PDB file of N, CA and C in Angstrom:
ATOM      1  N   MET A   1      82.028 118.066  97.493  1.00  0.00           N
ATOM      2  CA  MET A   1      83.396 117.623  97.648  1.00  0.00           C
ATOM      3  C   MET A   1      84.275 118.852  97.879  1.00  0.00           C
ATOM      4  N   SER A   2      85.239 118.707  98.768  1.00  0.00           N
ATOM      5  CA  SER A   2      86.070 119.862  99.115  1.00  0.00           C
ATOM      6  C   SER A   2      87.044 120.204  97.988  1.00  0.00           C
ATOM      7  N   ASN A   3      87.545 121.407  98.065  1.00  0.00           N
ATOM      8  CA  ASN A   3      88.444 121.938  97.041  1.00  0.00           C
ATOM      9  C   ASN A   3      89.757 121.153  96.992  1.00  0.00           C
ATOM     10  N   THR A   4      90.289 120.764  98.154  1.00  0.00           N
ATOM     11  CA  THR A   4      91.563 120.034  98.173  1.00  0.00           C
ATOM     12  C   THR A   4      91.419 118.662  97.519  1.00  0.00           C
ATOM     13  N   LYS A   5      90.263 118.027  97.707  1.00  0.00           N
ATOM     14  CA  LYS A   5      90.043 116.723  97.075  1.00  0.00           C
ATOM     15  C   LYS A   5      90.016 116.872  95.561  1.00  0.00           C
ATOM     16  N   LEU A   6      89.327 117.884  95.076  1.00  0.00           N
ATOM     17  CA  LEU A   6      89.242 118.095  93.631  1.00  0.00           C
ATOM     18  C   LEU A   6      90.612 118.390  93.023  1.00  0.00           C
ATOM     19  N   ILE A   7      91.383 119.197  93.713  1.00  0.00           N
ATOM     20  CA  ILE A   7      92.726 119.545  93.226  1.00  0.00           C
ATOM     21  C   ILE A   7      93.595 118.297  93.155  1.00  0.00           C
ATOM     22  N   PHE A   8      93.554 117.479  94.217  1.00  0.00           N
ATOM     23  CA  PHE A   8      94.397 116.281  94.219  1.00  0.00           C
ATOM     24  C   PHE A   8      93.932 115.278  93.170  1.00  0.00           C
ATOM     25  N   LEU A   9      92.628 115.154  92.956  1.00  0.00           N
ATOM     26  CA  LEU A   9      92.140 114.233  91.933  1.00  0.00           C
ATOM     27  C   LEU A   9      92.591 114.668  90.538  1.00  0.00           C
ATOM     28  N   ARG A  10      92.628 115.978  90.294  1.00  0.00           N
ATOM     29  CA  ARG A  10      93.151 116.480  89.013  1.00  0.00           C
ATOM     30  C   ARG A  10      94.629 116.138  88.860  1.00  0.00           C
ATOM     31  N   GLU A  11      95.384 116.307  89.945  1.00  0.00           N
ATOM     32  CA  GLU A  11      96.811 115.975  89.924  1.00  0.00           C
ATOM     33  C   GLU A  11      97.005 114.478  89.691  1.00  0.00           C
ATOM     34  N   LEU A  12      96.168 113.677  90.330  1.00  0.00           N
ATOM     35  CA  LEU A  12      96.282 112.231  90.210  1.00  0.00           C
ATOM     36  C   LEU A  12      96.043 111.777  88.778  1.00  0.00           C
ATOM     37  N   ARG A  13      95.121 112.420  88.082  1.00  0.00           N
ATOM     38  CA  ARG A  13      94.834 112.064  86.689  1.00  0.00           C
ATOM     39  C   ARG A  13      96.053 112.279  85.791  1.00  0.00           C
ATOM     40  N   LYS A  14      96.907 113.238  86.148  1.00  0.00           N
ATOM     41  CA  LYS A  14      98.111 113.487  85.359  1.00  0.00           C
ATOM     42  C   LYS A  14      99.059 112.285  85.387  1.00  0.00           C
ATOM     43  N   TYR A  15      99.023 111.538  86.488  1.00  0.00           N
ATOM     44  CA  TYR A  15      99.924 110.401  86.660  1.00  0.00           C
ATOM     45  C   TYR A  15      99.278 109.075  86.309  1.00  0.00           C
ATOM     46  N   LYS A  16      98.071 109.093  85.763  1.00  0.00           N
ATOM     47  CA  LYS A  16      97.324 107.869  85.487  1.00  0.00           C
ATOM     48  C   LYS A  16      98.106 106.924  84.569  1.00  0.00           C
ATOM     49  N   ASP A  17      98.823 107.465  83.595  1.00  0.00           N
ATOM     50  CA  ASP A  17      99.591 106.629  82.669  1.00  0.00           C
ATOM     51  C   ASP A  17     100.784 105.969  83.346  1.00  0.00           C
ATOM     52  N   HIS A  18     101.233 106.516  84.463  1.00  0.00           N
ATOM     53  CA  HIS A  18     102.401 105.997  85.161  1.00  0.00           C
ATOM     54  C   HIS A  18     102.039 105.040  86.292  1.00  0.00           C
ATOM     55  N   LEU A  19     100.744 104.859  86.531  1.00  0.00           N
ATOM     56  CA  LEU A  19     100.279 104.005  87.621  1.00  0.00           C
ATOM     57  C   LEU A  19      99.553 102.794  87.074  1.00  0.00           C
ATOM     58  N   MET A  20      99.625 101.696  87.825  1.00  0.00           N
ATOM     59  CA  MET A  20      98.801 100.555  87.479  1.00  0.00           C
ATOM     60  C   MET A  20      97.360 100.875  87.846  1.00  0.00           C
ATOM     61  N   LYS A  21      96.454 100.161  87.220  1.00  0.00           N
ATOM     62  CA  LYS A  21      95.026 100.435  87.415  1.00  0.00           C
ATOM     63  C   LYS A  21      94.651 100.353  88.893  1.00  0.00           C
ATOM     64  N   GLN A  22      95.146  99.327  89.588  1.00  0.00           N
ATOM     65  CA  GLN A  22      94.795  99.150  90.994  1.00  0.00           C
ATOM     66  C   GLN A  22      95.398 100.250  91.868  1.00  0.00           C
ATOM     67  N   GLN A  23      96.611 100.696  91.544  1.00  0.00           N
ATOM     68  CA  GLN A  23      97.230 101.785  92.301  1.00  0.00           C
ATOM     69  C   GLN A  23      96.401 103.059  92.159  1.00  0.00           C
ATOM     70  N   PHE A  24      95.970 103.340  90.936  1.00  0.00           N
ATOM     71  CA  PHE A  24      95.162 104.532  90.691  1.00  0.00           C
ATOM     72  C   PHE A  24      93.854 104.462  91.475  1.00  0.00           C
ATOM     73  N   LYS A  25      93.199 103.309  91.431  1.00  0.00           N
ATOM     74  CA  LYS A  25      91.927 103.145  92.139  1.00  0.00           C
ATOM     75  C   LYS A  25      92.106 103.286  93.651  1.00  0.00           C
ATOM     76  N   THR A  26      93.196 102.740  94.174  1.00  0.00           N
ATOM     77  CA  THR A  26      93.456 102.818  95.613  1.00  0.00           C
ATOM     78  C   THR A  26      93.671 104.263  96.046  1.00  0.00           C
ATOM     79  N   LEU A  27      94.512 104.982  95.316  1.00  0.00           N
ATOM     80  CA  LEU A  27      94.780 106.381  95.658  1.00  0.00           C
ATOM     81  C   LEU A  27      93.522 107.230  95.528  1.00  0.00           C
ATOM     82  N   ARG A  28      92.747 106.984  94.488  1.00  0.00           N
ATOM     83  CA  ARG A  28      91.497 107.717  94.301  1.00  0.00           C
ATOM     84  C   ARG A  28      90.532 107.433  95.452  1.00  0.00           C
ATOM     85  N   GLY A  29      90.457 106.183  95.864  1.00  0.00           N
ATOM     86  CA  GLY A  29      89.593 105.813  96.978  1.00  0.00           C
ATOM     87  C   GLY A  29      90.016 106.471  98.273  1.00  0.00           C
ATOM     88  N   GLN A  30      91.318 106.573  98.485  1.00  0.00           N
ATOM     89  CA  GLN A  30      91.817 107.253  99.682  1.00  0.00           C
ATOM     90  C   GLN A  30      91.386 108.714  99.691  1.00  0.00           C
ATOM     91  N   VAL A  31      91.495 109.363  98.555  1.00  0.00           N
ATOM     92  CA  VAL A  31      91.111 110.774  98.469  1.00  0.00           C
ATOM     93  C   VAL A  31      89.620 110.934  98.725  1.00  0.00           C
ATOM     94  N   LEU A  32      88.824 110.097  98.100  1.00  0.00           N
ATOM     95  CA  LEU A  32      87.377 110.211  98.250  1.00  0.00           C
ATOM     96  C   LEU A  32      86.918 109.911  99.674  1.00  0.00           C
ATOM     97  N   SER A  33      87.665 109.069 100.394  1.00  0.00           N
ATOM     98  CA  SER A  33      87.306 108.770 101.776  1.00  0.00           C
ATOM     99  C   SER A  33      87.818 109.831 102.749  1.00  0.00           C
ATOM    100  N   GLY A  34      88.650 110.761 102.246  1.00  0.00           N
ATOM    101  CA  GLY A  34      89.110 111.866 103.076  1.00  0.00           C
ATOM    102  C   GLY A  34      90.556 111.796 103.504  1.00  0.00           C
ATOM    103  N   ASP A  35      91.293 110.782 103.052  1.00  0.00           N
ATOM    104  CA  ASP A  35      92.690 110.622 103.455  1.00  0.00           C
ATOM    105  C   ASP A  35      93.613 111.170 102.371  1.00  0.00           C
ATOM    106  N   CYS A  36      93.565 112.484 102.167  1.00  0.00           N
ATOM    107  CA  CYS A  36      94.390 113.114 101.129  1.00  0.00           C
ATOM    108  C   CYS A  36      95.879 113.000 101.444  1.00  0.00           C
ATOM    109  N   GLU A  37      96.234 113.144 102.702  1.00  0.00           N
ATOM    110  CA  GLU A  37      97.649 113.062 103.082  1.00  0.00           C
ATOM    111  C   GLU A  37      98.211 111.675 102.812  1.00  0.00           C
ATOM    112  N   GLY A  38      97.437 110.654 103.111  1.00  0.00           N
ATOM    113  CA  GLY A  38      97.874 109.284 102.846  1.00  0.00           C
ATOM    114  C   GLY A  38      98.023 109.027 101.365  1.00  0.00           C
ATOM    115  N   ALA A  39      97.111 109.561 100.578  1.00  0.00           N
ATOM    116  CA  ALA A  39      97.176 109.394  99.127  1.00  0.00           C
ATOM    117  C   ALA A  39      98.399 110.107  98.554  1.00  0.00           C
ATOM    118  N   LYS A  40      98.691 111.297  99.051  1.00  0.00           N
ATOM    119  CA  LYS A  40      99.877 112.032  98.584  1.00  0.00           C
ATOM    120  C   LYS A  40     101.141 111.255  98.903  1.00  0.00           C
ATOM    121  N   LYS A  41     101.204 110.741 100.122  1.00  0.00           N
ATOM    122  CA  LYS A  41     102.374 109.979 100.537  1.00  0.00           C
ATOM    123  C   LYS A  41     102.516 108.717  99.681  1.00  0.00           C
ATOM    124  N   GLY A  42     101.409 108.037  99.421  1.00  0.00           N
ATOM    125  CA  GLY A  42     101.438 106.844  98.592  1.00  0.00           C
ATOM    126  C   GLY A  42     101.870 107.136  97.167  1.00  0.00           C
ATOM    127  N   LEU A  43     101.372 108.216  96.595  1.00  0.00           N
ATOM    128  CA  LEU A  43     101.751 108.592  95.240  1.00  0.00           C
ATOM    129  C   LEU A  43     103.242 108.903  95.162  1.00  0.00           C
ATOM    130  N   GLU A  44     103.754 109.637  96.137  1.00  0.00           N
ATOM    131  CA  GLU A  44     105.184 109.944  96.160  1.00  0.00           C
ATOM    132  C   GLU A  44     106.011 108.672  96.243  1.00  0.00           C
ATOM    133  N   LYS A  45     105.583 107.742  97.072  1.00  0.00           N
ATOM    134  CA  LYS A  45     106.310 106.491  97.250  1.00  0.00           C
ATOM    135  C   LYS A  45     106.323 105.684  95.948  1.00  0.00           C
ATOM    136  N   ILE A  46     105.181 105.601  95.289  1.00  0.00           N
ATOM    137  CA  ILE A  46     105.087 104.864  94.027  1.00  0.00           C
ATOM    138  C   ILE A  46     105.981 105.501  92.973  1.00  0.00           C
ATOM    139  N   LEU A  47     105.919 106.820  92.858  1.00  0.00           N
ATOM    140  CA  LEU A  47     106.720 107.510  91.842  1.00  0.00           C
ATOM    141  C   LEU A  47     108.205 107.412  92.140  1.00  0.00           C
ATOM    142  N   ASN A  48     108.584 107.501  93.414  1.00  0.00           N
ATOM    143  CA  ASN A  48     110.000 107.366  93.774  1.00  0.00           C
ATOM    144  C   ASN A  48     110.521 105.975  93.435  1.00  0.00           C
ATOM    145  N   ARG A  49     109.741 104.959  93.739  1.00  0.00           N
ATOM    146  CA  ARG A  49     110.153 103.592  93.412  1.00  0.00           C
ATOM    147  C   ARG A  49     110.286 103.422  91.905  1.00  0.00           C
ATOM    148  N   ARG A  50     109.367 104.008  91.174  1.00  0.00           N
ATOM    149  CA  ARG A  50     109.405 103.902  89.716  1.00  0.00           C
ATOM    150  C   ARG A  50     110.652 104.586  89.161  1.00  0.00           C
ATOM    151  N   MET A  51     110.976 105.757  89.707  1.00  0.00           N
ATOM    152  CA  MET A  51     112.154 106.487  89.233  1.00  0.00           C
ATOM    153  C   MET A  51     113.429 105.719  89.561  1.00  0.00           C
ATOM    154  N   GLN A  52     113.503 105.108  90.734  1.00  0.00           N
ATOM    155  CA  GLN A  52     114.687 104.324  91.105  1.00  0.00           C
ATOM    156  C   GLN A  52     114.834 103.123  90.172  1.00  0.00           C
ATOM    157  N   HIS A  53     113.706 102.487  89.867  1.00  0.00           N
ATOM    158  CA  HIS A  53     113.741 101.327  88.981  1.00  0.00           C
ATOM    159  C   HIS A  53     114.185 101.737  87.577  1.00  0.00           C
ATOM    160  N   GLU A  54     113.686 102.836  87.079  1.00  0.00           N
ATOM    161  CA  GLU A  54     114.067 103.313  85.750  1.00  0.00           C
ATOM    162  C   GLU A  54     115.546 103.671  85.717  1.00  0.00           C
ATOM    163  N   HIS A  55     116.039 104.250  86.803  1.00  0.00           N
ATOM    164  CA  HIS A  55     117.439 104.648  86.875  1.00  0.00           C
ATOM    165  C   HIS A  55     118.356 103.423  86.822  1.00  0.00           C
ATOM    166  N   THR A  56     118.045 102.391  87.600  1.00  0.00           N
ATOM    167  CA  THR A  56     118.892 101.207  87.619  1.00  0.00           C
ATOM    168  C   THR A  56     118.778 100.424  86.317  1.00  0.00           C
ATOM    169  N   LYS A  57     117.632 100.477  85.671  1.00  0.00           N
ATOM    170  CA  LYS A  57     117.450  99.774  84.408  1.00  0.00           C
ATOM    171  C   LYS A  57     118.333 100.386  83.325  1.00  0.00           C
ATOM    172  N   ASN A  58     118.515 101.706  83.361  1.00  0.00           N
ATOM    173  CA  ASN A  58     119.313 102.390  82.353  1.00  0.00           C
ATOM    174  C   ASN A  58     120.805 102.189  82.567  1.00  0.00           C
ATOM    175  N   ILE A  59     121.217 101.922  83.787  1.00  0.00           N
ATOM    176  CA  ILE A  59     122.639 101.738  84.084  1.00  0.00           C
ATOM    177  C   ILE A  59     123.140 100.396  83.546  1.00  0.00           C
ATOM    178  N   CYS A  60     122.365  99.368  83.700  1.00  0.00           N
ATOM    179  CA  CYS A  60     122.814  98.007  83.328  1.00  0.00           C
ATOM    180  C   CYS A  60     122.933  97.816  81.855  1.00  0.00           C
TER     181      CYS A  60
END
């Protein structure tokens, strides 16, 4: 396995508590199949949506 895949999988484990089980499995599968860029983009999108939701929840 390439070095970039291992690095991203380590990073992904840090966010495991913030992701649903299926989201984690999907992102991990993308990395293992070689689509690291897609997985990074997906993780950013999930985290951004989560942060927006948390922000609006605190305002109300």
